[in-house]
Amino acid sequence: GMAAAATASRQRASGAGAESSLELSVFTLAYAQCLALQVAKELKSFGLEPCAQLLWTAPLALAIVCAHAWPSSSRTLFGLAASGLVLLCVHGSQSNHVIVEMALTGAVLVTAPLHGASGCEARRAWSARLTLCIRL
């Protein structure tokens, strides 16, 4: 009766949470690949010699590694977007792909869960907000 309906409802909700978590994980990995191209561009421009310019690149490179290690972490995606935005603002050109990448990065940051929000429900809500923001 009621208990079975409640259990079925929880299972559907947890299935939807797992699905949105998987969607956000796939997005994190794809987004990390896009930002990896920016790191590659930086390395091509500045080389591997230690210089002040690479101080802006190192946090993004670390965030990309973290995104591949923990793609389901909301903190990882937020860190990836924050470090990406900083690097794009500092070294990004005015070309179309950089402007689109900055808009996407802004969407990730603007739609991020509020402080203290965690778990599947928060990621499902973030995924929905991010999808709507990107479509606009």
Protein backbone atom coordinates (compact mmCIF):
# COMPACT_ATOMS: atom_id res chain seq x y z
CA GLY A 1 0.00 0.00 0.00
CA MET A 2 1.37 3.31 1.19
CA ALA A 3 4.78 1.90 2.14
CA ALA A 4 5.24 0.31 -1.29
CA ALA A 5 4.25 3.56 -3.02
CA ALA A 6 6.69 5.53 -0.87
CA THR A 7 9.48 3.03 -1.62
CA ALA A 8 8.74 3.18 -5.37
CA SER A 9 8.77 6.98 -5.22
CA ARG A 10 12.16 7.00 -3.44
CA GLN A 11 13.57 4.56 -6.01
CA ARG A 12 12.39 6.75 -8.89
CA ALA A 13 13.87 9.82 -7.20
CA SER A 14 17.19 8.10 -6.56
CA GLY A 15 17.24 6.85 -10.16
CA ALA A 16 16.63 10.39 -11.41
CA GLY A 17 19.34 11.65 -9.05
CA ALA A 18 21.79 9.09 -10.37
CA GLU A 19 20.86 10.03 -13.94
CA SER A 20 21.38 13.76 -13.34
CA SER A 21 24.61 13.01 -11.49
CA LEU A 22 25.79 11.01 -14.50
CA GLU A 23 24.77 13.84 -16.84
CA LEU A 24 26.67 16.39 -14.78
CA SER A 25 29.70 14.06 -14.64
CA VAL A 26 29.69 13.70 -18.42
CA PHE A 27 29.34 17.47 -18.74
CA THR A 28 32.26 17.97 -16.32
CA LEU A 29 34.50 15.69 -18.38
CA ALA A 30 33.53 17.30 -21.71
CA TYR A 31 33.94 20.79 -20.25
CA ALA A 32 37.36 19.83 -18.84
CA GLN A 33 38.41 18.76 -22.33
CA CYS A 34 37.40 22.15 -23.74
CA LEU A 35 39.36 23.97 -21.06
CA ALA A 36 42.32 21.63 -21.63
CA LEU A 37 42.59 23.19 -25.07
CA GLN A 38 43.04 26.57 -23.40
CA VAL A 39 45.85 25.12 -21.26
CA ALA A 40 47.48 23.67 -24.39
CA LYS A 41 47.23 27.08 -26.08
CA GLU A 42 48.84 28.70 -23.04
CA LEU A 43 51.69 26.19 -23.04
CA LYS A 44 52.23 26.74 -26.76
CA SER A 45 52.34 30.50 -26.25
CA PHE A 46 54.51 30.59 -23.13
CA GLY A 47 56.34 27.24 -23.26
CA LEU A 48 57.24 25.14 -20.26
CA GLU A 49 59.76 27.62 -18.90
CA PRO A 50 58.67 28.87 -15.48
CA CYS A 51 57.21 32.34 -15.89
CA ALA A 52 54.62 34.56 -14.27
CA GLN A 53 52.15 33.91 -17.11
CA LEU A 54 51.92 30.23 -16.20
CA LEU A 55 50.83 31.07 -12.65
CA TRP A 56 47.38 31.68 -14.16
CA THR A 57 47.52 28.39 -16.09
CA ALA A 58 48.55 26.06 -13.26
CA PRO A 59 45.26 26.24 -11.27
CA LEU A 60 43.25 25.41 -14.39
CA ALA A 61 45.56 22.50 -15.25
CA LEU A 62 45.12 21.17 -11.70
CA ALA A 63 41.34 21.62 -11.91
CA ILE A 64 41.29 19.63 -15.16
CA VAL A 65 43.18 16.77 -13.50
CA CYS A 66 40.72 16.88 -10.58
CA ALA A 67 37.77 16.86 -13.01
CA HIS A 68 39.04 13.62 -14.50
CA ALA A 69 39.68 12.11 -11.06
CA TRP A 70 36.37 13.21 -9.49
CA PRO A 71 33.89 14.10 -12.27
CA SER A 72 30.86 13.59 -10.03
CA SER A 73 31.97 16.17 -7.47
CA SER A 74 30.13 19.50 -7.51
CA ARG A 75 33.18 21.18 -5.99
CA THR A 76 35.31 19.87 -8.84
CA LEU A 77 33.00 21.39 -11.46
CA PHE A 78 32.81 24.68 -9.59
CA GLY A 79 36.61 24.82 -9.23
CA LEU A 80 37.02 24.00 -12.90
CA ALA A 81 34.68 26.83 -13.89
CA ALA A 82 36.22 29.34 -11.47
CA SER A 83 39.81 28.67 -12.56
CA GLY A 84 38.71 28.61 -16.20
CA LEU A 85 37.01 31.99 -15.92
CA VAL A 86 40.07 33.55 -14.30
CA LEU A 87 42.38 32.27 -17.03
CA LEU A 88 40.01 33.24 -19.83
CA CYS A 89 39.66 36.76 -18.41
CA VAL A 90 43.42 37.16 -17.99
CA HIS A 91 44.66 35.57 -21.22
CA GLY A 92 41.59 35.01 -23.38
CA SER A 93 41.32 36.69 -26.73
CA GLN A 94 38.22 38.35 -28.13
CA SER A 95 37.58 35.48 -30.54
CA ASN A 96 34.16 33.86 -30.71
CA HIS A 97 35.17 30.56 -29.13
CA VAL A 98 36.62 32.32 -26.08
CA ILE A 99 33.49 34.43 -25.65
CA VAL A 100 31.30 31.31 -25.87
CA GLU A 101 33.56 29.51 -23.41
CA MET A 102 33.33 32.44 -21.00
CA ALA A 103 29.53 32.44 -21.30
CA LEU A 104 29.42 28.71 -20.58
CA THR A 105 31.76 29.17 -17.63
CA GLY A 106 29.58 31.96 -16.31
CA ALA A 107 26.53 29.72 -16.61
CA VAL A 108 28.22 27.03 -14.53
CA LEU A 109 29.13 29.53 -11.81
CA VAL A 110 25.78 31.36 -11.76
CA THR A 111 23.75 28.16 -11.50
CA ALA A 112 25.95 26.43 -8.90
CA PRO A 113 24.27 25.08 -5.76
CA LEU A 114 23.97 27.46 -2.87
CA HIS A 115 26.34 27.08 0.06
CA GLY A 116 25.53 23.98 2.08
CA ALA A 117 23.57 22.24 -0.68
CA SER A 118 24.88 18.77 -1.41
CA GLY A 119 23.86 15.35 -2.58
CA CYS A 120 21.83 14.04 -5.47
CA GLU A 121 19.00 16.54 -5.06
CA ALA A 122 21.37 19.51 -5.24
CA ARG A 123 23.11 18.08 -8.32
CA ARG A 124 19.76 17.36 -10.00
CA ALA A 125 18.66 20.95 -9.37
CA TRP A 126 22.03 22.27 -10.61
CA SER A 127 21.79 20.17 -13.76
CA ALA A 128 18.29 21.53 -14.45
CA ARG A 129 19.34 25.17 -13.86
CA LEU A 130 22.49 24.77 -15.94
CA THR A 131 20.58 23.17 -18.83
CA LEU A 132 18.04 26.00 -18.82
CA CYS A 133 20.76 28.65 -18.60
CA ILE A 134 22.72 27.16 -21.51
CA ARG A 135 19.59 26.89 -23.66
CA LEU A 136 18.83 30.57 -23.12
